[in-house]
Amino acid sequence: MRLTVLTAITGVLVLAVIFELLRRRQLREKYAVLWMAVGVLVLPLAFFPHALDDLASKVGVATGISLLLFSGFVFLLLVCVHLSWESSRLEEETRTLAEEVALIRTELAKREEREPSHD
């Protein structure tokens, strides 16, 4: 299978999966935009595989494919850092909410002790 066909199929599949996840509300819009941009950027590379060669030579990289792989690596590294940040923030929020629930339960238990039920 030629690389251009594989690249085109990959771009279309990425877009289809993202749209389906959005439709099912399993992916938030802020992440969908990011991944749809990836899918849209991959499609032209299928039809113009040497489009990055000029840019690569201007920045001192041997080939467009090398530049693409490096860019992909940096992109995924940034995605990982962002998701780690989101995870840390959500972990802190969950801890805070758990503490608040514990305080509310303690307060309710104290009220029930003071006011016995009339069953």
PDB file of N, CA and C in Angstrom:
ATOM      1  N   MET A   1       0.864  -1.188   0.000  1.00  0.00           N
ATOM      2  CA  MET A   1       0.000   0.000   0.000  1.00  0.00           C
ATOM      3  C   MET A   1       0.898   1.235   0.000  1.00  0.00           C
ATOM      4  N   ARG A   2       0.581   2.145  -0.830  1.00  0.00           N
ATOM      5  CA  ARG A   2       1.401   3.366  -0.918  1.00  0.00           C
ATOM      6  C   ARG A   2       1.183   4.233   0.309  1.00  0.00           C
ATOM      7  N   LEU A   3       2.229   4.938   0.686  1.00  0.00           N
ATOM      8  CA  LEU A   3       2.165   5.787   1.875  1.00  0.00           C
ATOM      9  C   LEU A   3       1.123   6.889   1.724  1.00  0.00           C
ATOM     10  N   THR A   4       0.957   7.418   0.531  1.00  0.00           N
ATOM     11  CA  THR A   4      -0.024   8.498   0.345  1.00  0.00           C
ATOM     12  C   THR A   4      -1.437   7.997   0.593  1.00  0.00           C
ATOM     13  N   VAL A   5      -1.753   6.786   0.146  1.00  0.00           N
ATOM     14  CA  VAL A   5      -3.084   6.209   0.379  1.00  0.00           C
ATOM     15  C   VAL A   5      -3.270   5.955   1.872  1.00  0.00           C
ATOM     16  N   LEU A   6      -2.259   5.400   2.507  1.00  0.00           N
ATOM     17  CA  LEU A   6      -2.330   5.137   3.946  1.00  0.00           C
ATOM     18  C   LEU A   6      -2.510   6.430   4.733  1.00  0.00           C
ATOM     19  N   THR A   7      -1.812   7.483   4.337  1.00  0.00           N
ATOM     20  CA  THR A   7      -1.937   8.777   5.004  1.00  0.00           C
ATOM     21  C   THR A   7      -3.342   9.344   4.828  1.00  0.00           C
ATOM     22  N   ALA A   8      -3.881   9.251   3.623  1.00  0.00           N
ATOM     23  CA  ALA A   8      -5.233   9.758   3.373  1.00  0.00           C
ATOM     24  C   ALA A   8      -6.258   8.984   4.190  1.00  0.00           C
ATOM     25  N   ILE A   9      -6.129   7.667   4.212  1.00  0.00           N
ATOM     26  CA  ILE A   9      -7.062   6.838   4.991  1.00  0.00           C
ATOM     27  C   ILE A   9      -6.952   7.185   6.472  1.00  0.00           C
ATOM     28  N   THR A  10      -5.744   7.382   6.963  1.00  0.00           N
ATOM     29  CA  THR A  10      -5.544   7.735   8.370  1.00  0.00           C
ATOM     30  C   THR A  10      -6.204   9.071   8.703  1.00  0.00           C
ATOM     31  N   GLY A  11      -6.024  10.066   7.841  1.00  0.00           N
ATOM     32  CA  GLY A  11      -6.648  11.375   8.075  1.00  0.00           C
ATOM     33  C   GLY A  11      -8.154  11.289   8.109  1.00  0.00           C
ATOM     34  N   VAL A  12      -8.736  10.555   7.185  1.00  0.00           N
ATOM     35  CA  VAL A  12     -10.198  10.398   7.141  1.00  0.00           C
ATOM     36  C   VAL A  12     -10.691   9.641   8.366  1.00  0.00           C
ATOM     37  N   LEU A  13      -9.973   8.589   8.760  1.00  0.00           N
ATOM     38  CA  LEU A  13     -10.363   7.823   9.947  1.00  0.00           C
ATOM     39  C   LEU A  13     -10.299   8.665  11.216  1.00  0.00           C
ATOM     40  N   VAL A  14      -9.255   9.472  11.341  1.00  0.00           N
ATOM     41  CA  VAL A  14      -9.157  10.345  12.518  1.00  0.00           C
ATOM     42  C   VAL A  14     -10.360  11.276  12.580  1.00  0.00           C
ATOM     43  N   LEU A  15     -10.694  11.891  11.462  1.00  0.00           N
ATOM     44  CA  LEU A  15     -11.848  12.794  11.434  1.00  0.00           C
ATOM     45  C   LEU A  15     -13.144  12.051  11.745  1.00  0.00           C
ATOM     46  N   ALA A  16     -13.316  10.864  11.196  1.00  0.00           N
ATOM     47  CA  ALA A  16     -14.542  10.091  11.437  1.00  0.00           C
ATOM     48  C   ALA A  16     -14.666   9.698  12.909  1.00  0.00           C
ATOM     49  N   VAL A  17     -13.576   9.257  13.508  1.00  0.00           N
ATOM     50  CA  VAL A  17     -13.601   8.866  14.927  1.00  0.00           C
ATOM     51  C   VAL A  17     -13.909  10.069  15.805  1.00  0.00           C
ATOM     52  N   ILE A  18     -13.311  11.203  15.508  1.00  0.00           N
ATOM     53  CA  ILE A  18     -13.547  12.415  16.306  1.00  0.00           C
ATOM     54  C   ILE A  18     -15.005  12.837  16.206  1.00  0.00           C
ATOM     55  N   PHE A  19     -15.554  12.835  14.993  1.00  0.00           N
ATOM     56  CA  PHE A  19     -16.967  13.204  14.832  1.00  0.00           C
ATOM     57  C   PHE A  19     -17.884  12.234  15.576  1.00  0.00           C
ATOM     58  N   GLU A  20     -17.564  10.962  15.550  1.00  0.00           N
ATOM     59  CA  GLU A  20     -18.388   9.976  16.257  1.00  0.00           C
ATOM     60  C   GLU A  20     -18.293  10.167  17.769  1.00  0.00           C
ATOM     61  N   LEU A  21     -17.105  10.408  18.278  1.00  0.00           N
ATOM     62  CA  LEU A  21     -16.957  10.662  19.718  1.00  0.00           C
ATOM     63  C   LEU A  21     -17.705  11.929  20.132  1.00  0.00           C
ATOM     64  N   LEU A  22     -17.670  12.944  19.280  1.00  0.00           N
ATOM     65  CA  LEU A  22     -18.429  14.169  19.563  1.00  0.00           C
ATOM     66  C   LEU A  22     -19.922  13.891  19.560  1.00  0.00           C
ATOM     67  N   ARG A  23     -20.371  13.131  18.577  1.00  0.00           N
ATOM     68  CA  ARG A  23     -21.790  12.819  18.462  1.00  0.00           C
ATOM     69  C   ARG A  23     -22.293  12.073  19.697  1.00  0.00           C
ATOM     70  N   ARG A  24     -21.467  11.174  20.214  1.00  0.00           N
ATOM     71  CA  ARG A  24     -21.832  10.407  21.411  1.00  0.00           C
ATOM     72  C   ARG A  24     -21.555  11.166  22.702  1.00  0.00           C
ATOM     73  N   ARG A  25     -21.032  12.362  22.585  1.00  0.00           N
ATOM     74  CA  ARG A  25     -20.673  13.202  23.731  1.00  0.00           C
ATOM     75  C   ARG A  25     -19.662  12.516  24.653  1.00  0.00           C
ATOM     76  N   GLN A  26     -18.704  11.825  24.031  1.00  0.00           N
ATOM     77  CA  GLN A  26     -17.653  11.167  24.786  1.00  0.00           C
ATOM     78  C   GLN A  26     -16.335  11.937  24.712  1.00  0.00           C
ATOM     79  N   LEU A  27     -16.343  13.021  23.962  1.00  0.00           N
ATOM     80  CA  LEU A  27     -15.158  13.856  23.826  1.00  0.00           C
ATOM     81  C   LEU A  27     -15.598  15.307  23.889  1.00  0.00           C
ATOM     82  N   ARG A  28     -14.938  16.072  24.730  1.00  0.00           N
ATOM     83  CA  ARG A  28     -15.285  17.486  24.854  1.00  0.00           C
ATOM     84  C   ARG A  28     -14.811  18.255  23.633  1.00  0.00           C
ATOM     85  N   GLU A  29     -15.515  19.346  23.360  1.00  0.00           N
ATOM     86  CA  GLU A  29     -15.246  20.124  22.155  1.00  0.00           C
ATOM     87  C   GLU A  29     -13.826  20.674  22.115  1.00  0.00           C
ATOM     88  N   LYS A  30     -13.301  21.058  23.289  1.00  0.00           N
ATOM     89  CA  LYS A  30     -11.964  21.659  23.283  1.00  0.00           C
ATOM     90  C   LYS A  30     -10.905  20.658  22.824  1.00  0.00           C
ATOM     91  N   TYR A  31     -11.109  19.378  23.098  1.00  0.00           N
ATOM     92  CA  TYR A  31     -10.167  18.367  22.624  1.00  0.00           C
ATOM     93  C   TYR A  31     -10.481  17.964  21.189  1.00  0.00           C
ATOM     94  N   ALA A  32     -11.749  17.973  20.841  1.00  0.00           N
ATOM     95  CA  ALA A  32     -12.150  17.599  19.480  1.00  0.00           C
ATOM     96  C   ALA A  32     -11.543  18.548  18.453  1.00  0.00           C
ATOM     97  N   VAL A  33     -11.526  19.830  18.760  1.00  0.00           N
ATOM     98  CA  VAL A  33     -10.948  20.808  17.836  1.00  0.00           C
ATOM     99  C   VAL A  33      -9.481  20.490  17.576  1.00  0.00           C
ATOM    100  N   LEU A  34      -8.774  20.147  18.615  1.00  0.00           N
ATOM    101  CA  LEU A  34      -7.360  19.806  18.491  1.00  0.00           C
ATOM    102  C   LEU A  34      -7.161  18.607  17.571  1.00  0.00           C
ATOM    103  N   TRP A  35      -7.920  17.539  17.807  1.00  0.00           N
ATOM    104  CA  TRP A  35      -7.740  16.318  17.020  1.00  0.00           C
ATOM    105  C   TRP A  35      -8.298  16.456  15.609  1.00  0.00           C
ATOM    106  N   MET A  36      -9.319  17.270  15.431  1.00  0.00           N
ATOM    107  CA  MET A  36      -9.815  17.519  14.076  1.00  0.00           C
ATOM    108  C   MET A  36      -8.761  18.291  13.282  1.00  0.00           C
ATOM    109  N   ALA A  37      -8.064  19.194  13.934  1.00  0.00           N
ATOM    110  CA  ALA A  37      -6.986  19.922  13.261  1.00  0.00           C
ATOM    111  C   ALA A  37      -5.893  18.950  12.818  1.00  0.00           C
ATOM    112  N   VAL A  38      -5.592  17.968  13.650  1.00  0.00           N
ATOM    113  CA  VAL A  38      -4.606  16.958  13.265  1.00  0.00           C
ATOM    114  C   VAL A  38      -5.077  16.209  12.021  1.00  0.00           C
ATOM    115  N   GLY A  39      -6.336  15.795  12.028  1.00  0.00           N
ATOM    116  CA  GLY A  39      -6.880  15.084  10.876  1.00  0.00           C
ATOM    117  C   GLY A  39      -6.853  15.915   9.615  1.00  0.00           C
ATOM    118  N   VAL A  40      -7.190  17.189   9.740  1.00  0.00           N
ATOM    119  CA  VAL A  40      -7.209  18.085   8.575  1.00  0.00           C
ATOM    120  C   VAL A  40      -5.789  18.350   8.081  1.00  0.00           C
ATOM    121  N   LEU A  41      -4.819  18.409   8.969  1.00  0.00           N
ATOM    122  CA  LEU A  41      -3.434  18.640   8.563  1.00  0.00           C
ATOM    123  C   LEU A  41      -2.803  17.404   7.915  1.00  0.00           C
ATOM    124  N   VAL A  42      -3.287  16.240   8.287  1.00  0.00           N
ATOM    125  CA  VAL A  42      -2.734  15.009   7.725  1.00  0.00           C
ATOM    126  C   VAL A  42      -3.177  14.816   6.277  1.00  0.00           C
ATOM    127  N   LEU A  43      -4.404  15.211   5.957  1.00  0.00           N
ATOM    128  CA  LEU A  43      -4.932  14.984   4.606  1.00  0.00           C
ATOM    129  C   LEU A  43      -4.088  15.607   3.495  1.00  0.00           C
ATOM    130  N   PRO A  44      -3.685  16.869   3.579  1.00  0.00           N
ATOM    131  CA  PRO A  44      -2.859  17.421   2.493  1.00  0.00           C
ATOM    132  C   PRO A  44      -1.528  16.697   2.322  1.00  0.00           C
ATOM    133  N   LEU A  45      -0.996  16.157   3.412  1.00  0.00           N
ATOM    134  CA  LEU A  45       0.271  15.428   3.305  1.00  0.00           C
ATOM    135  C   LEU A  45       0.122  14.165   2.459  1.00  0.00           C
ATOM    136  N   ALA A  46      -1.098  13.639   2.404  1.00  0.00           N
ATOM    137  CA  ALA A  46      -1.330  12.457   1.576  1.00  0.00           C
ATOM    138  C   ALA A  46      -1.185  12.796   0.097  1.00  0.00           C
ATOM    139  N   PHE A  47      -1.627  13.961  -0.276  1.00  0.00           N
ATOM    140  CA  PHE A  47      -1.625  14.339  -1.684  1.00  0.00           C
ATOM    141  C   PHE A  47      -0.362  15.104  -2.099  1.00  0.00           C
ATOM    142  N   PHE A  48       0.292  15.720  -1.116  1.00  0.00           N
ATOM    143  CA  PHE A  48       1.523  16.473  -1.382  1.00  0.00           C
ATOM    144  C   PHE A  48       2.601  16.024  -0.390  1.00  0.00           C
ATOM    145  N   PRO A  49       3.110  14.797  -0.534  1.00  0.00           N
ATOM    146  CA  PRO A  49       4.030  14.250   0.476  1.00  0.00           C
ATOM    147  C   PRO A  49       5.346  15.016   0.612  1.00  0.00           C
ATOM    148  N   HIS A  50       5.737  15.746  -0.409  1.00  0.00           N
ATOM    149  CA  HIS A  50       7.010  16.477  -0.333  1.00  0.00           C
ATOM    150  C   HIS A  50       6.810  17.954  -0.001  1.00  0.00           C
ATOM    151  N   ALA A  51       5.611  18.305   0.438  1.00  0.00           N
ATOM    152  CA  ALA A  51       5.311  19.704   0.733  1.00  0.00           C
ATOM    153  C   ALA A  51       6.176  20.248   1.875  1.00  0.00           C
ATOM    154  N   LEU A  52       6.568  19.392   2.780  1.00  0.00           N
ATOM    155  CA  LEU A  52       7.367  19.839   3.928  1.00  0.00           C
ATOM    156  C   LEU A  52       8.861  19.887   3.645  1.00  0.00           C
ATOM    157  N   ASP A  53       9.291  19.368   2.497  1.00  0.00           N
ATOM    158  CA  ASP A  53      10.723  19.329   2.200  1.00  0.00           C
ATOM    159  C   ASP A  53      11.344  20.729   2.150  1.00  0.00           C
ATOM    160  N   ASP A  54      10.644  21.688   1.541  1.00  0.00           N
ATOM    161  CA  ASP A  54      11.179  23.058   1.477  1.00  0.00           C
ATOM    162  C   ASP A  54      11.300  23.660   2.870  1.00  0.00           C
ATOM    163  N   LEU A  55      10.256  23.495   3.672  1.00  0.00           N
ATOM    164  CA  LEU A  55      10.287  24.020   5.038  1.00  0.00           C
ATOM    165  C   LEU A  55      11.393  23.336   5.840  1.00  0.00           C
ATOM    166  N   ALA A  56      11.527  22.038   5.656  1.00  0.00           N
ATOM    167  CA  ALA A  56      12.563  21.292   6.387  1.00  0.00           C
ATOM    168  C   ALA A  56      13.951  21.813   6.041  1.00  0.00           C
ATOM    169  N   SER A  57      14.195  22.060   4.760  1.00  0.00           N
ATOM    170  CA  SER A  57      15.528  22.563   4.382  1.00  0.00           C
ATOM    171  C   SER A  57      15.775  23.957   4.934  1.00  0.00           C
ATOM    172  N   LYS A  58      14.728  24.770   5.059  1.00  0.00           N
ATOM    173  CA  LYS A  58      14.892  26.123   5.604  1.00  0.00           C
ATOM    174  C   LYS A  58      15.241  26.111   7.093  1.00  0.00           C
ATOM    175  N   VAL A  59      14.730  25.126   7.820  1.00  0.00           N
ATOM    176  CA  VAL A  59      15.033  25.065   9.255  1.00  0.00           C
ATOM    177  C   VAL A  59      16.201  24.134   9.558  1.00  0.00           C
ATOM    178  N   GLY A  60      16.789  23.552   8.514  1.00  0.00           N
ATOM    179  CA  GLY A  60      17.986  22.753   8.697  1.00  0.00           C
ATOM    180  C   GLY A  60      17.739  21.294   9.029  1.00  0.00           C
ATOM    181  N   VAL A  61      16.567  20.789   8.668  1.00  0.00           N
ATOM    182  CA  VAL A  61      16.259  19.380   8.892  1.00  0.00           C
ATOM    183  C   VAL A  61      16.442  18.654   7.565  1.00  0.00           C
ATOM    184  N   ALA A  62      16.908  17.411   7.616  1.00  0.00           N
ATOM    185  CA  ALA A  62      17.260  16.677   6.395  1.00  0.00           C
ATOM    186  C   ALA A  62      16.085  16.492   5.442  1.00  0.00           C
ATOM    187  N   THR A  63      14.944  16.032   5.954  1.00  0.00           N
ATOM    188  CA  THR A  63      13.790  15.774   5.079  1.00  0.00           C
ATOM    189  C   THR A  63      12.503  16.238   5.735  1.00  0.00           C
ATOM    190  N   GLY A  64      11.467  16.342   4.904  1.00  0.00           N
ATOM    191  CA  GLY A  64      10.158  16.723   5.414  1.00  0.00           C
ATOM    192  C   GLY A  64       9.596  15.690   6.365  1.00  0.00           C
ATOM    193  N   ILE A  65       9.873  14.418   6.104  1.00  0.00           N
ATOM    194  CA  ILE A  65       9.403  13.353   6.990  1.00  0.00           C
ATOM    195  C   ILE A  65      10.041  13.483   8.371  1.00  0.00           C
ATOM    196  N   SER A  66      11.317  13.814   8.420  1.00  0.00           N
ATOM    197  CA  SER A  66      11.994  14.006   9.710  1.00  0.00           C
ATOM    198  C   SER A  66      11.368  15.173  10.472  1.00  0.00           C
ATOM    199  N   LEU A  67      11.070  16.250   9.747  1.00  0.00           N
ATOM    200  CA  LEU A  67      10.419  17.397  10.377  1.00  0.00           C
ATOM    201  C   LEU A  67       9.035  17.026  10.880  1.00  0.00           C
ATOM    202  N   LEU A  68       8.306  16.243  10.098  1.00  0.00           N
ATOM    203  CA  LEU A  68       6.971  15.806  10.494  1.00  0.00           C
ATOM    204  C   LEU A  68       7.031  14.927  11.739  1.00  0.00           C
ATOM    205  N   LEU A  69       7.971  13.992  11.776  1.00  0.00           N
ATOM    206  CA  LEU A  69       8.103  13.125  12.948  1.00  0.00           C
ATOM    207  C   LEU A  69       8.487  13.922  14.189  1.00  0.00           C
ATOM    208  N   PHE A  70       9.411  14.859  14.036  1.00  0.00           N
ATOM    209  CA  PHE A  70       9.792  15.691  15.174  1.00  0.00           C
ATOM    210  C   PHE A  70       8.613  16.540  15.645  1.00  0.00           C
ATOM    211  N   SER A  71       7.887  17.136  14.697  1.00  0.00           N
ATOM    212  CA  SER A  71       6.716  17.955  15.045  1.00  0.00           C
ATOM    213  C   SER A  71       5.655  17.115  15.743  1.00  0.00           C
ATOM    214  N   GLY A  72       5.448  15.896  15.247  1.00  0.00           N
ATOM    215  CA  GLY A  72       4.493  14.991  15.887  1.00  0.00           C
ATOM    216  C   GLY A  72       4.902  14.642  17.300  1.00  0.00           C
ATOM    217  N   PHE A  73       6.192  14.413  17.503  1.00  0.00           N
ATOM    218  CA  PHE A  73       6.702  14.118  18.832  1.00  0.00           C
ATOM    219  C   PHE A  73       6.475  15.292  19.781  1.00  0.00           C
ATOM    220  N   VAL A  74       6.803  16.492  19.338  1.00  0.00           N
ATOM    221  CA  VAL A  74       6.612  17.694  20.170  1.00  0.00           C
ATOM    222  C   VAL A  74       5.123  17.886  20.469  1.00  0.00           C
ATOM    223  N   PHE A  75       4.286  17.689  19.460  1.00  0.00           N
ATOM    224  CA  PHE A  75       2.839  17.822  19.646  1.00  0.00           C
ATOM    225  C   PHE A  75       2.345  16.842  20.713  1.00  0.00           C
ATOM    226  N   LEU A  76       2.727  15.583  20.599  1.00  0.00           N
ATOM    227  CA  LEU A  76       2.278  14.588  21.572  1.00  0.00           C
ATOM    228  C   LEU A  76       2.856  14.856  22.960  1.00  0.00           C
ATOM    229  N   LEU A  77       4.064  15.376  23.024  1.00  0.00           N
ATOM    230  CA  LEU A  77       4.642  15.753  24.311  1.00  0.00           C
ATOM    231  C   LEU A  77       3.816  16.860  24.964  1.00  0.00           C
ATOM    232  N   LEU A  78       3.426  17.853  24.172  1.00  0.00           N
ATOM    233  CA  LEU A  78       2.594  18.937  24.704  1.00  0.00           C
ATOM    234  C   LEU A  78       1.218  18.438  25.128  1.00  0.00           C
ATOM    235  N   VAL A  79       0.648  17.509  24.370  1.00  0.00           N
ATOM    236  CA  VAL A  79      -0.643  16.920  24.749  1.00  0.00           C
ATOM    237  C   VAL A  79      -0.502  16.192  26.081  1.00  0.00           C
ATOM    238  N   CYS A  80       0.581  15.435  26.253  1.00  0.00           N
ATOM    239  CA  CYS A  80       0.806  14.721  27.516  1.00  0.00           C
ATOM    240  C   CYS A  80       0.958  15.685  28.690  1.00  0.00           C
ATOM    241  N   VAL A  81       1.683  16.764  28.489  1.00  0.00           N
ATOM    242  CA  VAL A  81       1.849  17.753  29.560  1.00  0.00           C
ATOM    243  C   VAL A  81       0.496  18.379  29.904  1.00  0.00           C
ATOM    244  N   HIS A  82      -0.280  18.716  28.881  1.00  0.00           N
ATOM    245  CA  HIS A  82      -1.600  19.308  29.126  1.00  0.00           C
ATOM    246  C   HIS A  82      -2.502  18.333  29.885  1.00  0.00           C
ATOM    247  N   LEU A  83      -2.521  17.067  29.478  1.00  0.00           N
ATOM    248  CA  LEU A  83      -3.367  16.085  30.152  1.00  0.00           C
ATOM    249  C   LEU A  83      -2.901  15.825  31.580  1.00  0.00           C
ATOM    250  N   SER A  84      -1.596  15.881  31.806  1.00  0.00           N
ATOM    251  CA  SER A  84      -1.085  15.751  33.179  1.00  0.00           C
ATOM    252  C   SER A  84      -1.542  16.921  34.033  1.00  0.00           C
ATOM    253  N   TRP A  85      -1.517  18.104  33.456  1.00  0.00           N
ATOM    254  CA  TRP A  85      -1.989  19.289  34.172  1.00  0.00           C
ATOM    255  C   TRP A  85      -3.478  19.155  34.494  1.00  0.00           C
ATOM    256  N   GLU A  86      -4.274  18.734  33.492  1.00  0.00           N
ATOM    257  CA  GLU A  86      -5.717  18.547  33.709  1.00  0.00           C
ATOM    258  C   GLU A  86      -5.954  17.506  34.798  1.00  0.00           C
ATOM    259  N   SER A  87      -5.216  16.404  34.744  1.00  0.00           N
ATOM    260  CA  SER A  87      -5.370  15.338  35.730  1.00  0.00           C
ATOM    261  C   SER A  87      -5.037  15.835  37.137  1.00  0.00           C
ATOM    262  N   SER A  88      -3.980  16.602  37.266  1.00  0.00           N
ATOM    263  CA  SER A  88      -3.600  17.148  38.575  1.00  0.00           C
ATOM    264  C   SER A  88      -4.668  18.096  39.099  1.00  0.00           C
ATOM    265  N   ARG A  89      -5.184  18.934  38.214  1.00  0.00           N
ATOM    266  CA  ARG A  89      -6.227  19.875  38.618  1.00  0.00           C
ATOM    267  C   ARG A  89      -7.487  19.138  39.065  1.00  0.00           C
ATOM    268  N   LEU A  90      -7.882  18.122  38.311  1.00  0.00           N
ATOM    269  CA  LEU A  90      -9.071  17.353  38.659  1.00  0.00           C
ATOM    270  C   LEU A  90      -8.880  16.546  39.939  1.00  0.00           C
ATOM    271  N   GLU A  91      -7.661  16.059  40.148  1.00  0.00           N
ATOM    272  CA  GLU A  91      -7.362  15.334  41.381  1.00  0.00           C
ATOM    273  C   GLU A  91      -7.520  16.254  42.593  1.00  0.00           C
ATOM    274  N   GLU A  92      -7.033  17.468  42.480  1.00  0.00           N
ATOM    275  CA  GLU A  92      -7.164  18.439  43.568  1.00  0.00           C
ATOM    276  C   GLU A  92      -8.638  18.791  43.795  1.00  0.00           C
ATOM    277  N   GLU A  93      -9.361  18.973  42.705  1.00  0.00           N
ATOM    278  CA  GLU A  93     -10.789  19.307  42.811  1.00  0.00           C
ATOM    279  C   GLU A  93     -11.561  18.155  43.462  1.00  0.00           C
ATOM    280  N   THR A  94     -11.233  16.922  43.097  1.00  0.00           N
ATOM    281  CA  THR A  94     -11.889  15.753  43.681  1.00  0.00           C
ATOM    282  C   THR A  94     -11.602  15.666  45.175  1.00  0.00           C
ATOM    283  N   ARG A  95     -10.359  15.928  45.564  1.00  0.00           N
ATOM    284  CA  ARG A  95     -10.004  15.899  46.984  1.00  0.00           C
ATOM    285  C   ARG A  95     -10.789  16.945  47.757  1.00  0.00           C
ATOM    286  N   THR A  96     -10.879  18.149  47.192  1.00  0.00           N
ATOM    287  CA  THR A  96     -11.626  19.228  47.840  1.00  0.00           C
ATOM    288  C   THR A  96     -13.105  18.858  47.984  1.00  0.00           C
ATOM    289  N   LEU A  97     -13.677  18.309  46.920  1.00  0.00           N
ATOM    290  CA  LEU A  97     -15.083  17.909  46.981  1.00  0.00           C
ATOM    291  C   LEU A  97     -15.308  16.797  47.997  1.00  0.00           C
ATOM    292  N   ALA A  98     -14.388  15.842  48.080  1.00  0.00           N
ATOM    293  CA  ALA A  98     -14.512  14.758  49.060  1.00  0.00           C
ATOM    294  C   ALA A  98     -14.462  15.313  50.482  1.00  0.00           C
ATOM    295  N   GLU A  99     -13.600  16.297  50.719  1.00  0.00           N
ATOM    296  CA  GLU A  99     -13.533  16.921  52.042  1.00  0.00           C
ATOM    297  C   GLU A  99     -14.840  17.640  52.359  1.00  0.00           C
ATOM    298  N   GLU A 100     -15.390  18.349  51.385  1.00  0.00           N
ATOM    299  CA  GLU A 100     -16.655  19.056  51.601  1.00  0.00           C
ATOM    300  C   GLU A 100     -17.794  18.080  51.882  1.00  0.00           C
ATOM    301  N   VAL A 101     -17.838  16.966  51.163  1.00  0.00           N
ATOM    302  CA  VAL A 101     -18.873  15.955  51.405  1.00  0.00           C
ATOM    303  C   VAL A 101     -18.725  15.382  52.809  1.00  0.00           C
ATOM    304  N   ALA A 102     -17.497  15.127  53.228  1.00  0.00           N
ATOM    305  CA  ALA A 102     -17.261  14.597  54.577  1.00  0.00           C
ATOM    306  C   ALA A 102     -17.744  15.588  55.635  1.00  0.00           C
ATOM    307  N   LEU A 103     -17.483  16.876  55.428  1.00  0.00           N
ATOM    308  CA  LEU A 103     -17.954  17.892  56.382  1.00  0.00           C
ATOM    309  C   LEU A 103     -19.482  17.948  56.412  1.00  0.00           C
ATOM    310  N   ILE A 104     -20.103  17.867  55.260  1.00  0.00           N
ATOM    311  CA  ILE A 104     -21.575  17.894  55.198  1.00  0.00           C
ATOM    312  C   ILE A 104     -22.163  16.670  55.885  1.00  0.00           C
ATOM    313  N   ARG A 105     -21.565  15.499  55.661  1.00  0.00           N
ATOM    314  CA  ARG A 105     -22.051  14.286  56.328  1.00  0.00           C
ATOM    315  C   ARG A 105     -21.898  14.383  57.835  1.00  0.00           C
ATOM    316  N   THR A 106     -20.787  14.956  58.282  1.00  0.00           N
ATOM    317  CA  THR A 106     -20.575  15.125  59.721  1.00  0.00           C
ATOM    318  C   THR A 106     -21.629  16.057  60.305  1.00  0.00           C
ATOM    319  N   GLU A 107     -21.898  17.145  59.595  1.00  0.00           N
ATOM    320  CA  GLU A 107     -22.919  18.096  60.052  1.00  0.00           C
ATOM    321  C   GLU A 107     -24.298  17.442  60.093  1.00  0.00           C
ATOM    322  N   LEU A 108     -24.641  16.665  59.097  1.00  0.00           N
ATOM    323  CA  LEU A 108     -25.929  15.963  59.074  1.00  0.00           C
ATOM    324  C   LEU A 108     -26.022  14.955  60.212  1.00  0.00           C
ATOM    325  N   ALA A 109     -24.952  14.250  60.470  1.00  0.00           N
ATOM    326  CA  ALA A 109     -24.956  13.274  61.569  1.00  0.00           C
ATOM    327  C   ALA A 109     -25.169  13.974  62.904  1.00  0.00           C
ATOM    328  N   LYS A 110     -24.549  15.138  63.094  1.00  0.00           N
ATOM    329  CA  LYS A 110     -24.734  15.905  64.340  1.00  0.00           C
ATOM    330  C   LYS A 110     -26.176  16.361  64.480  1.00  0.00           C
ATOM    331  N   ARG A 111     -26.773  16.817  63.374  1.00  0.00           N
ATOM    332  CA  ARG A 111     -28.175  17.259  63.422  1.00  0.00           C
ATOM    333  C   ARG A 111     -29.108  16.103  63.739  1.00  0.00           C
ATOM    334  N   GLU A 112     -28.840  14.945  63.168  1.00  0.00           N
ATOM    335  CA  GLU A 112     -29.695  13.784  63.447  1.00  0.00           C
ATOM    336  C   GLU A 112     -29.596  13.347  64.896  1.00  0.00           C
ATOM    337  N   GLU A 113     -28.426  13.510  65.495  1.00  0.00           N
ATOM    338  CA  GLU A 113     -28.257  13.165  66.908  1.00  0.00           C
ATOM    339  C   GLU A 113     -29.055  14.126  67.795  1.00  0.00           C
ATOM    340  N   ARG A 114     -29.092  15.416  67.408  1.00  0.00           N
ATOM    341  CA  ARG A 114     -29.815  16.416  68.201  1.00  0.00           C
ATOM    342  C   ARG A 114     -31.319  16.316  68.003  1.00  0.00           C
ATOM    343  N   GLU A 115     -31.744  15.976  66.811  1.00  0.00           N
ATOM    344  CA  GLU A 115     -33.172  15.899  66.483  1.00  0.00           C
ATOM    345  C   GLU A 115     -33.532  14.470  66.086  1.00  0.00           C
ATOM    346  N   PRO A 116     -33.933  13.645  67.032  1.00  0.00           N
ATOM    347  CA  PRO A 116     -34.295  12.258  66.685  1.00  0.00           C
ATOM    348  C   PRO A 116     -35.525  12.244  65.753  1.00  0.00           C
ATOM    349  N   SER A 117     -35.560  11.275  64.875  1.00  0.00           N
ATOM    350  CA  SER A 117     -36.682  11.216  63.928  1.00  0.00           C
ATOM    351  C   SER A 117     -37.954  10.783  64.647  1.00  0.00           C
ATOM    352  N   HIS A 118     -39.105  11.180  64.091  1.00  0.00           N
ATOM    353  CA  HIS A 118     -40.417  10.904  64.684  1.00  0.00           C
ATOM    354  C   HIS A 118     -41.107   9.778  63.934  1.00  0.00           C
ATOM    355  N   ASP A 119     -40.513   8.601  63.895  1.00  0.00           N
ATOM    356  CA  ASP A 119     -41.119   7.465  63.182  1.00  0.00           C
ATOM    357  C   ASP A 119     -42.014   6.675  64.056  1.00  0.00           C
TER     358      ASP A 119
END
